[in-house]
Amino acid sequence: MTVKIGGGRLEAQEIFELILKADDALKYATEEKAAARARQARDLLAEARREAEAIGNTDLVEQVDRRVADLDALGLG
């Protein structure tokens, strides 16, 4: 779980940045590292979902769920 220094939760922008990191992990993965990057993306998305739920941001939860569904559809991770 990511918690800000000082004990606060992540803000919406920081959560969105986790989602973008997950996207980038997949976008820039070589064929040899695709599986590892898909796992990394899933971990980042799981963290983003937890944080989005913690602050009650349903839009970000839906963004995460869409990306996880895309990973599932592609058979990644």
N, C-alpha and C. Protein backbone atom coordinates (compact mmCIF):
# COMPACT_ATOMS: atom_id res chain seq x y z
N MET A 1 0.84 -1.16 0.00
CA MET A 1 0.00 0.00 0.00
C MET A 1 0.89 1.24 0.00
N THR A 2 0.57 2.19 -0.83
CA THR A 2 1.31 3.43 -0.87
C THR A 2 0.60 4.44 0.00
N VAL A 3 1.33 4.99 0.91
CA VAL A 3 0.80 6.06 1.75
C VAL A 3 1.79 7.20 1.69
N LYS A 4 1.29 8.41 1.57
CA LYS A 4 2.15 9.57 1.48
C LYS A 4 2.96 9.75 2.75
N ILE A 5 4.09 10.39 2.61
CA ILE A 5 4.90 10.73 3.77
C ILE A 5 4.05 11.61 4.68
N GLY A 6 4.04 11.30 5.93
CA GLY A 6 3.19 12.01 6.87
C GLY A 6 1.89 11.28 7.13
N GLY A 7 1.68 10.15 6.44
CA GLY A 7 0.55 9.29 6.74
C GLY A 7 -0.72 9.52 5.96
N GLY A 8 -0.74 10.48 5.04
CA GLY A 8 -1.96 10.74 4.28
C GLY A 8 -2.15 9.77 3.13
N ARG A 9 -3.36 9.72 2.62
CA ARG A 9 -3.66 8.87 1.46
C ARG A 9 -3.20 9.59 0.20
N LEU A 10 -3.10 8.83 -0.89
CA LEU A 10 -2.77 9.42 -2.18
C LEU A 10 -3.95 10.26 -2.66
N GLU A 11 -3.64 11.31 -3.39
CA GLU A 11 -4.67 12.15 -3.99
C GLU A 11 -5.03 11.59 -5.36
N ALA A 12 -6.13 12.07 -5.91
CA ALA A 12 -6.63 11.57 -7.19
C ALA A 12 -5.56 11.64 -8.28
N GLN A 13 -4.84 12.74 -8.37
CA GLN A 13 -3.81 12.88 -9.41
C GLN A 13 -2.71 11.84 -9.24
N GLU A 14 -2.34 11.58 -8.01
CA GLU A 14 -1.29 10.59 -7.75
C GLU A 14 -1.79 9.18 -8.10
N ILE A 15 -3.05 8.92 -7.85
CA ILE A 15 -3.62 7.62 -8.22
C ILE A 15 -3.66 7.48 -9.73
N PHE A 16 -4.05 8.54 -10.42
CA PHE A 16 -4.07 8.51 -11.88
C PHE A 16 -2.66 8.27 -12.42
N GLU A 17 -1.66 8.83 -11.77
CA GLU A 17 -0.27 8.59 -12.19
C GLU A 17 0.12 7.12 -12.04
N LEU A 18 -0.41 6.44 -11.03
CA LEU A 18 -0.17 5.00 -10.90
C LEU A 18 -0.78 4.26 -12.09
N ILE A 19 -1.97 4.68 -12.50
CA ILE A 19 -2.63 4.06 -13.65
C ILE A 19 -1.78 4.28 -14.90
N LEU A 20 -1.26 5.49 -15.07
CA LEU A 20 -0.40 5.78 -16.23
C LEU A 20 0.89 4.97 -16.19
N LYS A 21 1.45 4.77 -15.00
CA LYS A 21 2.65 3.93 -14.86
C LYS A 21 2.35 2.51 -15.33
N ALA A 22 1.18 2.00 -14.98
CA ALA A 22 0.79 0.66 -15.41
C ALA A 22 0.69 0.61 -16.93
N ASP A 23 0.09 1.63 -17.53
CA ASP A 23 0.00 1.70 -18.98
C ASP A 23 1.39 1.71 -19.62
N ASP A 24 2.27 2.51 -19.06
CA ASP A 24 3.63 2.62 -19.60
C ASP A 24 4.40 1.32 -19.47
N ALA A 25 4.19 0.61 -18.36
CA ALA A 25 4.88 -0.66 -18.16
C ALA A 25 4.57 -1.62 -19.31
N LEU A 26 3.33 -1.59 -19.77
CA LEU A 26 2.94 -2.46 -20.89
C LEU A 26 3.37 -1.90 -22.23
N LYS A 27 3.20 -0.60 -22.38
CA LYS A 27 3.48 0.03 -23.67
C LYS A 27 4.94 -0.15 -24.08
N TYR A 28 5.84 -0.06 -23.12
CA TYR A 28 7.27 -0.10 -23.44
C TYR A 28 7.91 -1.46 -23.17
N ALA A 29 7.11 -2.47 -22.92
CA ALA A 29 7.65 -3.81 -22.64
C ALA A 29 8.13 -4.47 -23.93
N THR A 30 9.27 -5.11 -23.83
CA THR A 30 9.73 -5.93 -24.95
C THR A 30 8.97 -7.25 -24.89
N GLU A 31 9.00 -7.99 -25.97
CA GLU A 31 8.30 -9.28 -26.01
C GLU A 31 8.79 -10.21 -24.90
N GLU A 32 10.10 -10.17 -24.64
CA GLU A 32 10.68 -11.03 -23.62
C GLU A 32 10.20 -10.65 -22.21
N LYS A 33 9.87 -9.39 -22.00
CA LYS A 33 9.50 -8.93 -20.67
C LYS A 33 8.00 -8.65 -20.54
N ALA A 34 7.22 -9.03 -21.52
CA ALA A 34 5.78 -8.72 -21.51
C ALA A 34 5.08 -9.31 -20.28
N ALA A 35 5.37 -10.54 -19.94
CA ALA A 35 4.70 -11.18 -18.79
C ALA A 35 5.06 -10.48 -17.49
N ALA A 36 6.34 -10.16 -17.32
CA ALA A 36 6.77 -9.47 -16.10
C ALA A 36 6.15 -8.08 -16.02
N ARG A 37 6.09 -7.40 -17.14
CA ARG A 37 5.50 -6.06 -17.16
C ARG A 37 3.99 -6.11 -16.91
N ALA A 38 3.34 -7.16 -17.40
CA ALA A 38 1.90 -7.32 -17.14
C ALA A 38 1.66 -7.52 -15.64
N ARG A 39 2.51 -8.30 -14.99
CA ARG A 39 2.39 -8.48 -13.53
C ARG A 39 2.62 -7.16 -12.81
N GLN A 40 3.62 -6.42 -13.26
CA GLN A 40 3.91 -5.11 -12.67
C GLN A 40 2.70 -4.18 -12.85
N ALA A 41 2.12 -4.19 -14.04
CA ALA A 41 0.96 -3.35 -14.31
C ALA A 41 -0.20 -3.74 -13.41
N ARG A 42 -0.44 -5.03 -13.25
CA ARG A 42 -1.53 -5.49 -12.37
C ARG A 42 -1.30 -5.05 -10.92
N ASP A 43 -0.05 -5.12 -10.47
CA ASP A 43 0.26 -4.68 -9.10
C ASP A 43 -0.01 -3.18 -8.95
N LEU A 44 0.41 -2.40 -9.92
CA LEU A 44 0.17 -0.95 -9.87
C LEU A 44 -1.33 -0.65 -9.91
N LEU A 45 -2.06 -1.38 -10.74
CA LEU A 45 -3.50 -1.17 -10.84
C LEU A 45 -4.21 -1.57 -9.55
N ALA A 46 -3.76 -2.65 -8.92
CA ALA A 46 -4.36 -3.06 -7.66
C ALA A 46 -4.14 -1.99 -6.59
N GLU A 47 -2.95 -1.43 -6.57
CA GLU A 47 -2.66 -0.36 -5.63
C GLU A 47 -3.51 0.87 -5.92
N ALA A 48 -3.62 1.22 -7.20
CA ALA A 48 -4.44 2.37 -7.59
C ALA A 48 -5.89 2.16 -7.19
N ARG A 49 -6.40 0.94 -7.37
CA ARG A 49 -7.79 0.66 -7.01
C ARG A 49 -8.01 0.80 -5.50
N ARG A 50 -7.09 0.25 -4.72
CA ARG A 50 -7.20 0.37 -3.26
C ARG A 50 -7.24 1.84 -2.83
N GLU A 51 -6.34 2.62 -3.40
CA GLU A 51 -6.25 4.03 -3.04
C GLU A 51 -7.49 4.80 -3.51
N ALA A 52 -7.98 4.49 -4.71
CA ALA A 52 -9.17 5.16 -5.23
C ALA A 52 -10.39 4.84 -4.36
N GLU A 53 -10.50 3.58 -3.95
CA GLU A 53 -11.60 3.20 -3.06
C GLU A 53 -11.48 3.91 -1.72
N ALA A 54 -10.25 4.05 -1.23
CA ALA A 54 -10.03 4.67 0.08
C ALA A 54 -10.48 6.13 0.10
N ILE A 55 -10.35 6.81 -1.05
CA ILE A 55 -10.79 8.21 -1.09
C ILE A 55 -12.18 8.36 -1.70
N GLY A 56 -12.80 7.23 -2.04
CA GLY A 56 -14.16 7.26 -2.57
C GLY A 56 -14.28 7.79 -3.98
N ASN A 57 -13.25 7.62 -4.80
CA ASN A 57 -13.27 8.12 -6.17
C ASN A 57 -13.69 7.00 -7.13
N THR A 58 -14.99 6.93 -7.40
CA THR A 58 -15.51 5.86 -8.24
C THR A 58 -15.05 5.96 -9.69
N ASP A 59 -14.80 7.18 -10.16
CA ASP A 59 -14.32 7.34 -11.54
C ASP A 59 -12.96 6.66 -11.72
N LEU A 60 -12.07 6.83 -10.75
CA LEU A 60 -10.77 6.18 -10.84
C LEU A 60 -10.88 4.67 -10.67
N VAL A 61 -11.78 4.22 -9.81
CA VAL A 61 -12.01 2.78 -9.66
C VAL A 61 -12.45 2.20 -11.00
N GLU A 62 -13.34 2.89 -11.70
CA GLU A 62 -13.81 2.43 -13.01
C GLU A 62 -12.68 2.42 -14.03
N GLN A 63 -11.79 3.43 -13.99
CA GLN A 63 -10.63 3.45 -14.89
C GLN A 63 -9.76 2.22 -14.67
N VAL A 64 -9.51 1.91 -13.41
CA VAL A 64 -8.69 0.74 -13.08
C VAL A 64 -9.37 -0.53 -13.58
N ASP A 65 -10.66 -0.65 -13.30
CA ASP A 65 -11.38 -1.85 -13.71
C ASP A 65 -11.36 -2.04 -15.22
N ARG A 66 -11.45 -0.93 -15.96
CA ARG A 66 -11.38 -1.01 -17.43
C ARG A 66 -10.03 -1.53 -17.89
N ARG A 67 -8.98 -1.04 -17.27
CA ARG A 67 -7.64 -1.47 -17.66
C ARG A 67 -7.38 -2.92 -17.29
N VAL A 68 -7.87 -3.34 -16.15
CA VAL A 68 -7.72 -4.75 -15.75
C VAL A 68 -8.51 -5.63 -16.73
N ALA A 69 -9.69 -5.21 -17.13
CA ALA A 69 -10.47 -5.96 -18.10
C ALA A 69 -9.74 -6.05 -19.44
N ASP A 70 -9.07 -4.96 -19.82
CA ASP A 70 -8.28 -4.98 -21.06
C ASP A 70 -7.13 -5.98 -20.97
N LEU A 71 -6.46 -6.01 -19.81
CA LEU A 71 -5.39 -7.00 -19.61
C LEU A 71 -5.93 -8.42 -19.71
N ASP A 72 -7.09 -8.64 -19.09
CA ASP A 72 -7.72 -9.97 -19.15
C ASP A 72 -8.06 -10.34 -20.59
N ALA A 73 -8.62 -9.39 -21.33
CA ALA A 73 -9.02 -9.65 -22.72
C ALA A 73 -7.81 -9.97 -23.60
N LEU A 74 -6.68 -9.35 -23.28
CA LEU A 74 -5.47 -9.61 -24.05
C LEU A 74 -4.72 -10.85 -23.57
N GLY A 75 -5.18 -11.42 -22.46
CA GLY A 75 -4.52 -12.60 -21.92
C GLY A 75 -3.18 -12.28 -21.29
N LEU A 76 -3.05 -11.07 -20.76
CA LEU A 76 -1.77 -10.66 -20.14
C LEU A 76 -1.87 -10.75 -18.64
N GLY A 77 -0.82 -11.32 -18.07
CA GLY A 77 -0.70 -11.36 -16.62
C GLY A 77 -1.59 -12.38 -16.01
